[in-house]
Amino acid sequence: MGIIANNMWSNNADLVIGITSTLSQTKPFGNVGDYEKGVSYSVIMGVFAFLTLYSMGGIQMMRRDFDKKPTQDDTEAGMKEKKENPVDELIEGDQEPQTSGNILPEYEEKQLSRTTGTIALAKSTSLDVNVPPQVEVTGRTKEKVMSIVRVVVTIPTMTLLSALVIAVVPQLRALFVPTTGVKMPNAPDGRPPLDFIIQFASYGGQLSPVMGLAMLGAALSRITVRHLPKGFWMSIAATCFLKLIVGPILGIIWIQGLKHTPLIKDDQLMMQLVIAITGAMPSATSQVYITTLYAPDDAPEVSQLSAMLLAQYALIALTLPIVTSYTLLKVLPQ
């Protein structure tokens, strides 16, 4: 499941924002608001990736690779715990052949009648001996509900959902930033009442890319590429081909197709650039943290993921300039 997640989630945040922020100061951009548009479109892509990875359970795909699998000892222990049904033992005792040859016919008839009745009783009550189906179904339903609740009730998910609600509701948004059409008493400094939270978040947000790169470097410095299965290089090559060659081609085709719809206009240059750059991104580096969180010490999966990421980020030095140049020269209208 980890290799599937590696192909599904790309680095849609820091790299895209950095590239669009730099290109927004050059031609054919440079207009008022191009920088803000580039950051906004990039953040929308990042929020979608964040929702699918954390809030919708995508992180569970990486966790499943490290779920405890039943061993041979566990299977043998489970077999030993199985006990025969007492009713079956009674039936087998009744069906044992009689060794005495002086059995009266009347006794044989009574014994046969008693055995037949016991078998009929066992058949009619065998379902009642087992666990009631309603209890089993209720247990499975409860487990499914709790698994969904555990995915939703996490700090990243609750933070994102709260931010989306505040951004959509004007009365709540006015508590943090000036909002047109909403009358909200200001704080003594003339700013919205909760403006200090925005200032703190803005200060911390500027440190986020630097801290993320520092954490990534610290994680990669402790990782050695070893324990690679035979033929794993084919998976690395296929992933690089899909992410860095097929992905940009599909992104450019998607842009050209959307131009024939009301969704994208020819003058929305920054939106087209963000879509093209997002399609050319390698896998998300956050998978390193997630895999390290669930993986045991010296797990081979960590080395395999490291090899995947190292190959992609080495190849992006060649593919990303080509995609960016082609988008600026051929895709965007001059």
C-alpha atoms as a PDB file:
ATOM      1  CA  MET A   1       0.000   0.000   0.000  1.00  0.00           C
ATOM      2  CA  GLY A   2       2.910   2.341   0.603  1.00  0.00           C
ATOM      3  CA  ILE A   3       3.965   2.413  -3.041  1.00  0.00           C
ATOM      4  CA  ILE A   4       0.389   3.282  -4.036  1.00  0.00           C
ATOM      5  CA  ALA A   5       0.388   6.177  -1.565  1.00  0.00           C
ATOM      6  CA  ASN A   6       3.755   7.262  -2.938  1.00  0.00           C
ATOM      7  CA  ASN A   7       2.168   7.702  -6.362  1.00  0.00           C
ATOM      8  CA  MET A   8      -1.039   9.310  -5.121  1.00  0.00           C
ATOM      9  CA  TRP A   9       0.219  12.221  -2.982  1.00  0.00           C
ATOM     10  CA  SER A  10       2.648  14.776  -4.381  1.00  0.00           C
ATOM     11  CA  ASN A  11       4.487  17.724  -2.872  1.00  0.00           C
ATOM     12  CA  ASN A  12       1.735  20.259  -3.535  1.00  0.00           C
ATOM     13  CA  ALA A  13       2.742  22.870  -0.970  1.00  0.00           C
ATOM     14  CA  ASP A  14       6.246  24.257  -0.454  1.00  0.00           C
ATOM     15  CA  LEU A  15       7.731  23.624  -3.889  1.00  0.00           C
ATOM     16  CA  VAL A  16       4.713  24.875  -5.828  1.00  0.00           C
ATOM     17  CA  ILE A  17       4.427  28.015  -3.695  1.00  0.00           C
ATOM     18  CA  GLY A  18       8.143  28.739  -4.054  1.00  0.00           C
ATOM     19  CA  ILE A  19       8.137  28.314  -7.839  1.00  0.00           C
ATOM     20  CA  THR A  20       4.978  30.336  -8.455  1.00  0.00           C
ATOM     21  CA  SER A  21       6.157  33.086  -6.092  1.00  0.00           C
ATOM     22  CA  THR A  22       9.376  33.440  -8.077  1.00  0.00           C
ATOM     23  CA  LEU A  23       7.749  33.333 -11.508  1.00  0.00           C
ATOM     24  CA  SER A  24       5.013  35.792 -10.514  1.00  0.00           C
ATOM     25  CA  GLN A  25       7.610  38.589 -10.664  1.00  0.00           C
ATOM     26  CA  THR A  26       8.561  37.853 -14.287  1.00  0.00           C
ATOM     27  CA  LYS A  27       6.824  37.993 -17.670  1.00  0.00           C
ATOM     28  CA  PRO A  28       4.146  37.109 -18.715  1.00  0.00           C
ATOM     29  CA  PHE A  29       3.179  37.748 -15.086  1.00  0.00           C
ATOM     30  CA  GLY A  30       4.076  40.720 -12.938  1.00  0.00           C
ATOM     31  CA  ASN A  31       0.574  42.141 -12.737  1.00  0.00           C
ATOM     32  CA  VAL A  32      -1.020  43.268  -9.498  1.00  0.00           C
ATOM     33  CA  GLY A  33      -2.327  40.273  -7.588  1.00  0.00           C
ATOM     34  CA  ASP A  34      -0.407  37.586  -9.502  1.00  0.00           C
ATOM     35  CA  TYR A  35       1.638  36.698  -6.435  1.00  0.00           C
ATOM     36  CA  GLU A  36      -1.475  36.382  -4.254  1.00  0.00           C
ATOM     37  CA  LYS A  37      -3.235  34.321  -6.917  1.00  0.00           C
ATOM     38  CA  GLY A  38      -0.310  31.936  -7.223  1.00  0.00           C
ATOM     39  CA  VAL A  39      -0.156  31.377  -3.477  1.00  0.00           C
ATOM     40  CA  SER A  40      -3.944  30.966  -3.238  1.00  0.00           C
ATOM     41  CA  TYR A  41      -4.132  28.390  -6.030  1.00  0.00           C
ATOM     42  CA  SER A  42      -1.196  26.489  -4.546  1.00  0.00           C
ATOM     43  CA  VAL A  43      -2.807  26.483  -1.106  1.00  0.00           C
ATOM     44  CA  ILE A  44      -6.039  25.112  -2.594  1.00  0.00           C
ATOM     45  CA  MET A  45      -4.084  22.208  -4.076  1.00  0.00           C
ATOM     46  CA  GLY A  46      -2.340  21.674  -0.756  1.00  0.00           C
ATOM     47  CA  VAL A  47      -5.604  21.705   1.212  1.00  0.00           C
ATOM     48  CA  PHE A  48      -7.085  19.066  -1.081  1.00  0.00           C
ATOM     49  CA  ALA A  49      -4.014  16.856  -0.602  1.00  0.00           C
ATOM     50  CA  PHE A  50      -4.158  17.475   3.157  1.00  0.00           C
ATOM     51  CA  LEU A  51      -7.830  16.487   3.334  1.00  0.00           C
ATOM     52  CA  THR A  52      -7.402  13.264   1.388  1.00  0.00           C
ATOM     53  CA  LEU A  53      -4.241  12.252   3.236  1.00  0.00           C
ATOM     54  CA  TYR A  54      -5.226  12.992   6.838  1.00  0.00           C
ATOM     55  CA  SER A  55      -8.968  13.634   7.070  1.00  0.00           C
ATOM     56  CA  MET A  56     -10.169  10.953   4.632  1.00  0.00           C
ATOM     57  CA  GLY A  57      -7.927   8.184   5.894  1.00  0.00           C
ATOM     58  CA  GLY A  58      -5.208   8.172   3.261  1.00  0.00           C
ATOM     59  CA  ILE A  59      -2.640   7.903   6.020  1.00  0.00           C
ATOM     60  CA  GLN A  60      -4.097   4.481   6.863  1.00  0.00           C
ATOM     61  CA  MET A  61      -2.719   3.142   3.576  1.00  0.00           C
ATOM     62  CA  MET A  62       0.814   3.629   4.879  1.00  0.00           C
ATOM     63  CA  ARG A  63      -0.082   2.291   8.323  1.00  0.00           C
ATOM     64  CA  ARG A  64      -1.394  -1.006   6.920  1.00  0.00           C
ATOM     65  CA  ASP A  65       2.070  -1.986   5.731  1.00  0.00           C
ATOM     66  CA  PHE A  66       3.080  -2.248   9.377  1.00  0.00           C
ATOM     67  CA  ASP A  67       0.024  -3.992  10.795  1.00  0.00           C
ATOM     68  CA  LYS A  68       0.965  -7.126  12.726  1.00  0.00           C
ATOM     69  CA  LYS A  69       0.464 -10.163  10.534  1.00  0.00           C
ATOM     70  CA  PRO A  70      -0.485 -13.518  12.120  1.00  0.00           C
ATOM     71  CA  THR A  71       2.528 -15.798  12.492  1.00  0.00           C
ATOM     72  CA  GLN A  72       2.630 -19.596  12.439  1.00  0.00           C
ATOM     73  CA  ASP A  73       2.745 -19.690  16.238  1.00  0.00           C
ATOM     74  CA  ASP A  74      -0.397 -17.546  16.442  1.00  0.00           C
ATOM     75  CA  THR A  75      -2.171 -19.869  14.000  1.00  0.00           C
ATOM     76  CA  GLU A  76      -1.198 -22.981  15.978  1.00  0.00           C
ATOM     77  CA  ALA A  77      -2.296 -21.358  19.236  1.00  0.00           C
ATOM     78  CA  GLY A  78      -5.636 -20.527  17.675  1.00  0.00           C
ATOM     79  CA  MET A  79      -6.078 -24.116  16.554  1.00  0.00           C
ATOM     80  CA  LYS A  80      -5.373 -25.389  20.071  1.00  0.00           C
ATOM     81  CA  GLU A  81      -7.998 -23.091  21.538  1.00  0.00           C
ATOM     82  CA  LYS A  82     -10.730 -24.636  19.415  1.00  0.00           C
ATOM     83  CA  LYS A  83     -12.803 -27.053  21.431  1.00  0.00           C
ATOM     84  CA  GLU A  84     -15.269 -29.602  20.237  1.00  0.00           C
ATOM     85  CA  ASN A  85     -18.935 -28.929  20.773  1.00  0.00           C
ATOM     86  CA  PRO A  86     -20.242 -30.814  23.844  1.00  0.00           C
ATOM     87  CA  VAL A  87     -23.306 -31.808  21.835  1.00  0.00           C
ATOM     88  CA  ASP A  88     -21.067 -33.419  19.218  1.00  0.00           C
ATOM     89  CA  GLU A  89     -19.274 -35.391  21.933  1.00  0.00           C
ATOM     90  CA  LEU A  90     -22.623 -36.612  23.201  1.00  0.00           C
ATOM     91  CA  ILE A  91     -23.644 -37.657  19.693  1.00  0.00           C
ATOM     92  CA  GLU A  92     -20.360 -39.477  19.126  1.00  0.00           C
ATOM     93  CA  GLY A  93     -20.762 -41.282  22.458  1.00  0.00           C
ATOM     94  CA  ASP A  94     -24.242 -42.358  21.470  1.00  0.00           C
ATOM     95  CA  GLN A  95     -23.061 -43.558  18.065  1.00  0.00           C
ATOM     96  CA  GLU A  96     -20.238 -45.781  19.404  1.00  0.00           C
ATOM     97  CA  PRO A  97     -20.698 -49.411  18.307  1.00  0.00           C
ATOM     98  CA  GLN A  98     -21.972 -51.764  20.972  1.00  0.00           C
ATOM     99  CA  THR A  99     -19.568 -54.572  21.765  1.00  0.00           C
ATOM    100  CA  SER A 100     -22.052 -56.812  23.477  1.00  0.00           C
ATOM    101  CA  GLY A 101     -23.856 -59.258  21.287  1.00  0.00           C
ATOM    102  CA  ASN A 102     -26.768 -59.801  23.713  1.00  0.00           C
ATOM    103  CA  ILE A 103     -28.535 -56.515  23.031  1.00  0.00           C
ATOM    104  CA  LEU A 104     -32.284 -56.858  23.127  1.00  0.00           C
ATOM    105  CA  PRO A 105     -34.244 -55.572  20.102  1.00  0.00           C
ATOM    106  CA  GLU A 106     -36.354 -53.388  22.376  1.00  0.00           C
ATOM    107  CA  TYR A 107     -33.221 -51.793  23.803  1.00  0.00           C
ATOM    108  CA  GLU A 108     -31.847 -51.252  20.286  1.00  0.00           C
ATOM    109  CA  GLU A 109     -35.043 -49.499  19.252  1.00  0.00           C
ATOM    110  CA  LYS A 110     -34.987 -47.229  22.338  1.00  0.00           C
ATOM    111  CA  GLN A 111     -31.295 -46.481  21.859  1.00  0.00           C
ATOM    112  CA  LEU A 112     -31.841 -45.602  18.182  1.00  0.00           C
ATOM    113  CA  SER A 113     -34.778 -43.391  19.090  1.00  0.00           C
ATOM    114  CA  ARG A 114     -32.746 -41.580  21.750  1.00  0.00           C
ATOM    115  CA  THR A 115     -29.819 -41.080  19.363  1.00  0.00           C
ATOM    116  CA  THR A 116     -32.067 -39.765  16.592  1.00  0.00           C
ATOM    117  CA  GLY A 117     -33.685 -37.339  18.995  1.00  0.00           C
ATOM    118  CA  THR A 118     -30.301 -36.120  20.200  1.00  0.00           C
ATOM    119  CA  ILE A 119     -29.140 -35.499  16.629  1.00  0.00           C
ATOM    120  CA  ALA A 120     -32.342 -33.620  15.820  1.00  0.00           C
ATOM    121  CA  LEU A 121     -31.961 -31.535  18.968  1.00  0.00           C
ATOM    122  CA  ALA A 122     -28.343 -30.743  18.089  1.00  0.00           C
ATOM    123  CA  LYS A 123     -29.313 -29.653  14.584  1.00  0.00           C
ATOM    124  CA  SER A 124     -32.121 -27.461  15.863  1.00  0.00           C
ATOM    125  CA  THR A 125     -30.004 -25.804  18.544  1.00  0.00           C
ATOM    126  CA  SER A 126     -26.627 -25.606  16.818  1.00  0.00           C
ATOM    127  CA  LEU A 127     -27.249 -22.015  15.772  1.00  0.00           C
ATOM    128  CA  ASP A 128     -28.116 -21.050  19.322  1.00  0.00           C
ATOM    129  CA  VAL A 129     -24.820 -22.411  20.651  1.00  0.00           C
ATOM    130  CA  ASN A 130     -22.799 -19.967  18.533  1.00  0.00           C
ATOM    131  CA  VAL A 131     -22.443 -16.230  19.144  1.00  0.00           C
ATOM    132  CA  PRO A 132     -25.666 -14.413  18.220  1.00  0.00           C
ATOM    133  CA  PRO A 133     -25.341 -12.800  14.753  1.00  0.00           C
ATOM    134  CA  GLN A 134     -26.841  -9.546  16.012  1.00  0.00           C
ATOM    135  CA  VAL A 135     -24.032  -9.119  18.547  1.00  0.00           C
ATOM    136  CA  GLU A 136     -21.391  -9.784  15.890  1.00  0.00           C
ATOM    137  CA  VAL A 137     -22.961  -7.327  13.421  1.00  0.00           C
ATOM    138  CA  THR A 138     -23.277  -4.691  16.139  1.00  0.00           C
ATOM    139  CA  GLY A 139     -19.620  -5.131  17.057  1.00  0.00           C
ATOM    140  CA  ARG A 140     -18.493  -4.710  13.457  1.00  0.00           C
ATOM    141  CA  THR A 141     -20.667  -1.621  13.002  1.00  0.00           C
ATOM    142  CA  LYS A 142     -19.322  -0.071  16.192  1.00  0.00           C
ATOM    143  CA  GLU A 143     -15.750  -0.754  15.106  1.00  0.00           C
ATOM    144  CA  LYS A 144     -16.351   0.897  11.715  1.00  0.00           C
ATOM    145  CA  VAL A 145     -17.903   3.964  13.348  1.00  0.00           C
ATOM    146  CA  MET A 146     -15.040   4.259  15.826  1.00  0.00           C
ATOM    147  CA  SER A 147     -12.459   3.946  13.049  1.00  0.00           C
ATOM    148  CA  ILE A 148     -14.085   6.880  11.232  1.00  0.00           C
ATOM    149  CA  VAL A 149     -14.218   8.912  14.444  1.00  0.00           C
ATOM    150  CA  ARG A 150     -10.529   8.205  15.142  1.00  0.00           C
ATOM    151  CA  VAL A 151      -9.620   9.490  11.681  1.00  0.00           C
ATOM    152  CA  VAL A 152     -11.666  12.687  12.034  1.00  0.00           C
ATOM    153  CA  VAL A 153     -10.868  13.533  15.653  1.00  0.00           C
ATOM    154  CA  THR A 154      -7.192  14.354  15.149  1.00  0.00           C
ATOM    155  CA  ILE A 155      -5.352  17.635  15.582  1.00  0.00           C
ATOM    156  CA  PRO A 156      -4.599  18.175  11.843  1.00  0.00           C
ATOM    157  CA  THR A 157      -8.155  17.349  10.786  1.00  0.00           C
ATOM    158  CA  MET A 158      -9.863  19.424  13.462  1.00  0.00           C
ATOM    159  CA  THR A 159      -7.565  22.382  12.752  1.00  0.00           C
ATOM    160  CA  LEU A 160      -8.260  22.280   9.027  1.00  0.00           C
ATOM    161  CA  LEU A 161     -12.020  21.840   9.417  1.00  0.00           C
ATOM    162  CA  SER A 162     -12.177  24.713  11.916  1.00  0.00           C
ATOM    163  CA  ALA A 163     -10.186  26.948   9.560  1.00  0.00           C
ATOM    164  CA  LEU A 164     -12.497  26.129   6.646  1.00  0.00           C
ATOM    165  CA  VAL A 165     -15.599  26.922   8.706  1.00  0.00           C
ATOM    166  CA  ILE A 166     -14.123  30.229   9.893  1.00  0.00           C
ATOM    167  CA  ALA A 167     -13.121  31.176   6.343  1.00  0.00           C
ATOM    168  CA  VAL A 168     -16.606  30.464   4.961  1.00  0.00           C
ATOM    169  CA  VAL A 169     -18.741  32.120   7.671  1.00  0.00           C
ATOM    170  CA  PRO A 170     -18.370  35.952   7.397  1.00  0.00           C
ATOM    171  CA  GLN A 171     -19.235  36.603  11.059  1.00  0.00           C
ATOM    172  CA  LEU A 172     -16.474  34.264  12.208  1.00  0.00           C
ATOM    173  CA  ARG A 173     -14.009  35.549   9.635  1.00  0.00           C
ATOM    174  CA  ALA A 174     -14.568  39.112  10.872  1.00  0.00           C
ATOM    175  CA  LEU A 175     -13.118  38.099  14.251  1.00  0.00           C
ATOM    176  CA  PHE A 176      -9.735  37.550  12.611  1.00  0.00           C
ATOM    177  CA  VAL A 177      -9.522  39.824   9.555  1.00  0.00           C
ATOM    178  CA  PRO A 178     -11.437  42.902   8.324  1.00  0.00           C
ATOM    179  CA  THR A 179     -14.488  41.645   6.438  1.00  0.00           C
ATOM    180  CA  THR A 180     -16.674  43.711   4.143  1.00  0.00           C
ATOM    181  CA  GLY A 181     -20.338  43.818   5.115  1.00  0.00           C
ATOM    182  CA  VAL A 182     -19.859  42.655   8.710  1.00  0.00           C
ATOM    183  CA  LYS A 183     -19.813  45.082  11.641  1.00  0.00           C
ATOM    184  CA  MET A 184     -17.457  43.855  14.308  1.00  0.00           C
ATOM    185  CA  PRO A 185     -16.134  45.910  17.265  1.00  0.00           C
ATOM    186  CA  ASN A 186     -12.372  46.285  17.008  1.00  0.00           C
ATOM    187  CA  ALA A 187      -9.810  45.695  19.721  1.00  0.00           C
ATOM    188  CA  PRO A 188      -8.131  48.679  21.451  1.00  0.00           C
ATOM    189  CA  ASP A 189      -5.391  48.646  18.781  1.00  0.00           C
ATOM    190  CA  GLY A 190      -7.971  49.156  16.031  1.00  0.00           C
ATOM    191  CA  ARG A 191      -7.628  45.638  14.662  1.00  0.00           C
ATOM    192  CA  PRO A 192     -10.153  42.744  14.781  1.00  0.00           C
ATOM    193  CA  PRO A 193     -10.474  41.073  18.194  1.00  0.00           C
ATOM    194  CA  LEU A 194      -8.526  37.920  17.273  1.00  0.00           C
ATOM    195  CA  ASP A 195      -6.017  39.532  14.936  1.00  0.00           C
ATOM    196  CA  PHE A 196      -3.168  38.468  17.227  1.00  0.00           C
ATOM    197  CA  ILE A 197      -3.827  34.841  16.224  1.00  0.00           C
ATOM    198  CA  ILE A 198      -3.385  35.768  12.557  1.00  0.00           C
ATOM    199  CA  GLN A 199      -0.141  37.576  13.349  1.00  0.00           C
ATOM    200  CA  PHE A 200       1.184  34.595  15.274  1.00  0.00           C
ATOM    201  CA  ALA A 201       0.162  32.197  12.481  1.00  0.00           C
ATOM    202  CA  SER A 202       1.794  34.426   9.853  1.00  0.00           C
ATOM    203  CA  TYR A 203       5.025  34.500  11.832  1.00  0.00           C
ATOM    204  CA  GLY A 204       5.012  30.736  12.284  1.00  0.00           C
ATOM    205  CA  GLY A 205       3.976  30.148   8.677  1.00  0.00           C
ATOM    206  CA  GLN A 206       7.120  31.824   7.385  1.00  0.00           C
ATOM    207  CA  LEU A 207       9.194  29.392   9.437  1.00  0.00           C
ATOM    208  CA  SER A 208       7.247  26.344   8.261  1.00  0.00           C
ATOM    209  CA  PRO A 209       9.185  25.664   5.014  1.00  0.00           C
ATOM    210  CA  VAL A 210      12.545  26.053   6.778  1.00  0.00           C
ATOM    211  CA  MET A 211      11.517  23.808   9.671  1.00  0.00           C
ATOM    212  CA  GLY A 212      10.065  21.258   7.264  1.00  0.00           C
ATOM    213  CA  LEU A 213      13.309  21.084   5.282  1.00  0.00           C
ATOM    214  CA  ALA A 214      15.310  20.792   8.513  1.00  0.00           C
ATOM    215  CA  MET A 215      13.130  17.909   9.720  1.00  0.00           C
ATOM    216  CA  LEU A 216      13.368  16.227   6.328  1.00  0.00           C
ATOM    217  CA  GLY A 217      17.151  16.543   6.333  1.00  0.00           C
ATOM    218  CA  ALA A 218      17.360  15.137   9.858  1.00  0.00           C
ATOM    219  CA  ALA A 219      15.157  12.196   8.891  1.00  0.00           C
ATOM    220  CA  LEU A 220      17.081  11.455   5.696  1.00  0.00           C
ATOM    221  CA  SER A 221      20.449  11.724   7.459  1.00  0.00           C
ATOM    222  CA  ARG A 222      19.551   8.738   9.645  1.00  0.00           C
ATOM    223  CA  ILE A 223      18.333   6.644   6.748  1.00  0.00           C
ATOM    224  CA  THR A 224      20.521   4.323   4.727  1.00  0.00           C
ATOM    225  CA  VAL A 225      19.315   2.765   1.511  1.00  0.00           C
ATOM    226  CA  ARG A 226      19.524  -0.957   2.237  1.00  0.00           C
ATOM    227  CA  HIS A 227      17.345  -4.047   2.343  1.00  0.00           C
ATOM    228  CA  LEU A 228      16.052  -3.289  -1.157  1.00  0.00           C
ATOM    229  CA  PRO A 229      14.235  -6.308  -2.615  1.00  0.00           C
ATOM    230  CA  LYS A 230      15.451  -7.829  -5.828  1.00  0.00           C
ATOM    231  CA  GLY A 231      14.042  -5.933  -8.795  1.00  0.00           C
ATOM    232  CA  PHE A 232      12.947  -2.967  -6.679  1.00  0.00           C
ATOM    233  CA  TRP A 233      14.732  -0.638  -9.090  1.00  0.00           C
ATOM    234  CA  MET A 234      11.958  -1.390 -11.585  1.00  0.00           C
ATOM    235  CA  SER A 235       9.407   0.020  -9.137  1.00  0.00           C
ATOM    236  CA  ILE A 236      11.577   3.115  -8.672  1.00  0.00           C
ATOM    237  CA  ALA A 237      11.886   3.615 -12.431  1.00  0.00           C
ATOM    238  CA  ALA A 238       8.153   3.113 -12.971  1.00  0.00           C
ATOM    239  CA  THR A 239       7.282   5.580 -10.199  1.00  0.00           C
ATOM    240  CA  CYS A 240       9.653   8.222 -11.581  1.00  0.00           C
ATOM    241  CA  PHE A 241       8.228   7.718 -15.063  1.00  0.00           C
ATOM    242  CA  LEU A 242       4.630   8.065 -13.879  1.00  0.00           C
ATOM    243  CA  LYS A 243       5.198  10.991 -11.512  1.00  0.00           C
ATOM    244  CA  LEU A 244       7.678  13.101 -13.468  1.00  0.00           C
ATOM    245  CA  ILE A 245       6.921  12.314 -17.117  1.00  0.00           C
ATOM    246  CA  VAL A 246       3.360  11.046 -17.458  1.00  0.00           C
ATOM    247  CA  GLY A 247       2.059  13.388 -14.724  1.00  0.00           C
ATOM    248  CA  PRO A 248       3.166  16.644 -16.409  1.00  0.00           C
ATOM    249  CA  ILE A 249       1.830  15.473 -19.770  1.00  0.00           C
ATOM    250  CA  LEU A 250      -1.577  14.739 -18.244  1.00  0.00           C
ATOM    251  CA  GLY A 251      -1.500  18.105 -16.462  1.00  0.00           C
ATOM    252  CA  ILE A 252      -0.886  20.018 -19.691  1.00  0.00           C
ATOM    253  CA  ILE A 253      -3.579  18.020 -21.507  1.00  0.00           C
ATOM    254  CA  TRP A 254      -5.938  18.798 -18.610  1.00  0.00           C
ATOM    255  CA  ILE A 255      -5.208  22.531 -18.964  1.00  0.00           C
ATOM    256  CA  GLN A 256      -5.850  22.491 -22.698  1.00  0.00           C
ATOM    257  CA  GLY A 257      -9.114  20.650 -22.142  1.00  0.00           C
ATOM    258  CA  LEU A 258     -10.319  23.051 -19.448  1.00  0.00           C
ATOM    259  CA  LYS A 259      -9.675  26.007 -21.752  1.00  0.00           C
ATOM    260  CA  HIS A 260     -12.633  24.850 -23.817  1.00  0.00           C
ATOM    261  CA  THR A 261     -14.877  25.087 -20.757  1.00  0.00           C
ATOM    262  CA  PRO A 262     -15.885  28.021 -18.533  1.00  0.00           C
ATOM    263  CA  LEU A 263     -13.594  26.717 -15.771  1.00  0.00           C
ATOM    264  CA  ILE A 264     -10.388  28.290 -17.132  1.00  0.00           C
ATOM    265  CA  LYS A 265     -10.101  31.424 -19.242  1.00  0.00           C
ATOM    266  CA  ASP A 266      -7.148  32.290 -21.442  1.00  0.00           C
ATOM    267  CA  ASP A 267      -6.228  35.270 -19.261  1.00  0.00           C
ATOM    268  CA  GLN A 268      -5.978  33.131 -16.084  1.00  0.00           C
ATOM    269  CA  LEU A 269      -2.272  32.553 -16.559  1.00  0.00           C
ATOM    270  CA  MET A 270      -1.383  31.865 -12.944  1.00  0.00           C
ATOM    271  CA  MET A 271      -4.026  29.152 -12.586  1.00  0.00           C
ATOM    272  CA  GLN A 272      -2.676  27.365 -15.653  1.00  0.00           C
ATOM    273  CA  LEU A 273       0.877  27.592 -14.338  1.00  0.00           C
ATOM    274  CA  VAL A 274      -0.077  26.189 -10.927  1.00  0.00           C
ATOM    275  CA  ILE A 275      -1.862  23.211 -12.509  1.00  0.00           C
ATOM    276  CA  ALA A 276       1.113  22.451 -14.755  1.00  0.00           C
ATOM    277  CA  ILE A 277       3.654  22.745 -11.922  1.00  0.00           C
ATOM    278  CA  THR A 278       1.507  20.654  -9.570  1.00  0.00           C
ATOM    279  CA  GLY A 279       1.335  17.867 -12.136  1.00  0.00           C
ATOM    280  CA  ALA A 280       5.137  17.790 -12.313  1.00  0.00           C
ATOM    281  CA  MET A 281       5.753  17.454  -8.572  1.00  0.00           C
ATOM    282  CA  PRO A 282       7.442  14.406  -6.984  1.00  0.00           C
ATOM    283  CA  SER A 283       6.025  12.497  -4.040  1.00  0.00           C
ATOM    284  CA  ALA A 284       5.302  14.325  -0.797  1.00  0.00           C
ATOM    285  CA  THR A 285       8.174  14.378   1.670  1.00  0.00           C
ATOM    286  CA  SER A 286       5.665  14.127   4.516  1.00  0.00           C
ATOM    287  CA  GLN A 287       5.519  10.407   3.763  1.00  0.00           C
ATOM    288  CA  VAL A 288       8.939  10.139   5.413  1.00  0.00           C
ATOM    289  CA  TYR A 289       7.529  11.367   8.734  1.00  0.00           C
ATOM    290  CA  ILE A 290       4.437   9.183   8.487  1.00  0.00           C
ATOM    291  CA  THR A 291       6.391   6.046   7.598  1.00  0.00           C
ATOM    292  CA  THR A 292       8.928   6.690  10.358  1.00  0.00           C
ATOM    293  CA  LEU A 293       6.052   7.125  12.814  1.00  0.00           C
ATOM    294  CA  TYR A 294       4.510   3.714  12.115  1.00  0.00           C
ATOM    295  CA  ALA A 295       7.564   1.692  11.095  1.00  0.00           C
ATOM    296  CA  PRO A 296       9.543  -0.305  13.665  1.00  0.00           C
ATOM    297  CA  ASP A 297      13.277   0.200  14.040  1.00  0.00           C
ATOM    298  CA  ASP A 298      15.340  -0.796  10.996  1.00  0.00           C
ATOM    299  CA  ALA A 299      12.219  -1.476   8.928  1.00  0.00           C
ATOM    300  CA  PRO A 300      13.103  -2.126   5.263  1.00  0.00           C
ATOM    301  CA  GLU A 301      10.127  -0.030   4.118  1.00  0.00           C
ATOM    302  CA  VAL A 302      11.857   3.153   5.321  1.00  0.00           C
ATOM    303  CA  SER A 303      14.868   2.464   3.129  1.00  0.00           C
ATOM    304  CA  GLN A 304      12.638   1.646   0.175  1.00  0.00           C
ATOM    305  CA  LEU A 305      10.742   4.933   0.563  1.00  0.00           C
ATOM    306  CA  SER A 306      14.027   6.817   0.850  1.00  0.00           C
ATOM    307  CA  ALA A 307      15.264   5.303  -2.402  1.00  0.00           C
ATOM    308  CA  MET A 308      11.995   6.310  -4.073  1.00  0.00           C
ATOM    309  CA  LEU A 309      12.229   9.918  -2.900  1.00  0.00           C
ATOM    310  CA  LEU A 310      15.939  10.298  -3.628  1.00  0.00           C
ATOM    311  CA  ALA A 311      15.441   9.115  -7.205  1.00  0.00           C
ATOM    312  CA  GLN A 312      12.482  11.436  -7.791  1.00  0.00           C
ATOM    313  CA  TYR A 313      14.076  14.542  -6.296  1.00  0.00           C
ATOM    314  CA  ALA A 314      17.276  13.899  -8.261  1.00  0.00           C
ATOM    315  CA  LEU A 315      15.351  13.551 -11.515  1.00  0.00           C
ATOM    316  CA  ILE A 316      13.190  16.623 -10.892  1.00  0.00           C
ATOM    317  CA  ALA A 317      16.240  18.809 -11.508  1.00  0.00           C
ATOM    318  CA  LEU A 318      15.909  17.764 -15.156  1.00  0.00           C
ATOM    319  CA  THR A 319      12.159  17.400 -15.647  1.00  0.00           C
ATOM    320  CA  LEU A 320      10.857  20.479 -13.789  1.00  0.00           C
ATOM    321  CA  PRO A 321      12.754  23.093 -15.879  1.00  0.00           C
ATOM    322  CA  ILE A 322      11.522  21.386 -19.054  1.00  0.00           C
ATOM    323  CA  VAL A 323       7.896  21.422 -17.872  1.00  0.00           C
ATOM    324  CA  THR A 324       8.123  25.038 -16.692  1.00  0.00           C
ATOM    325  CA  SER A 325       9.723  26.247 -19.933  1.00  0.00           C
ATOM    326  CA  TYR A 326       7.215  24.405 -22.106  1.00  0.00           C
ATOM    327  CA  THR A 327       4.314  25.794 -20.076  1.00  0.00           C
ATOM    328  CA  LEU A 328       5.562  29.385 -20.345  1.00  0.00           C
ATOM    329  CA  LEU A 329       6.369  29.161 -24.066  1.00  0.00           C
ATOM    330  CA  LYS A 330       3.677  26.878 -25.483  1.00  0.00           C
ATOM    331  CA  VAL A 331       0.770  26.574 -23.062  1.00  0.00           C
ATOM    332  CA  LEU A 332       0.301  30.114 -21.774  1.00  0.00           C
ATOM    333  CA  PRO A 333      -0.894  32.629 -24.381  1.00  0.00           C
ATOM    334  CA  GLN A 334       1.723  35.230 -25.238  1.00  0.00           C
END
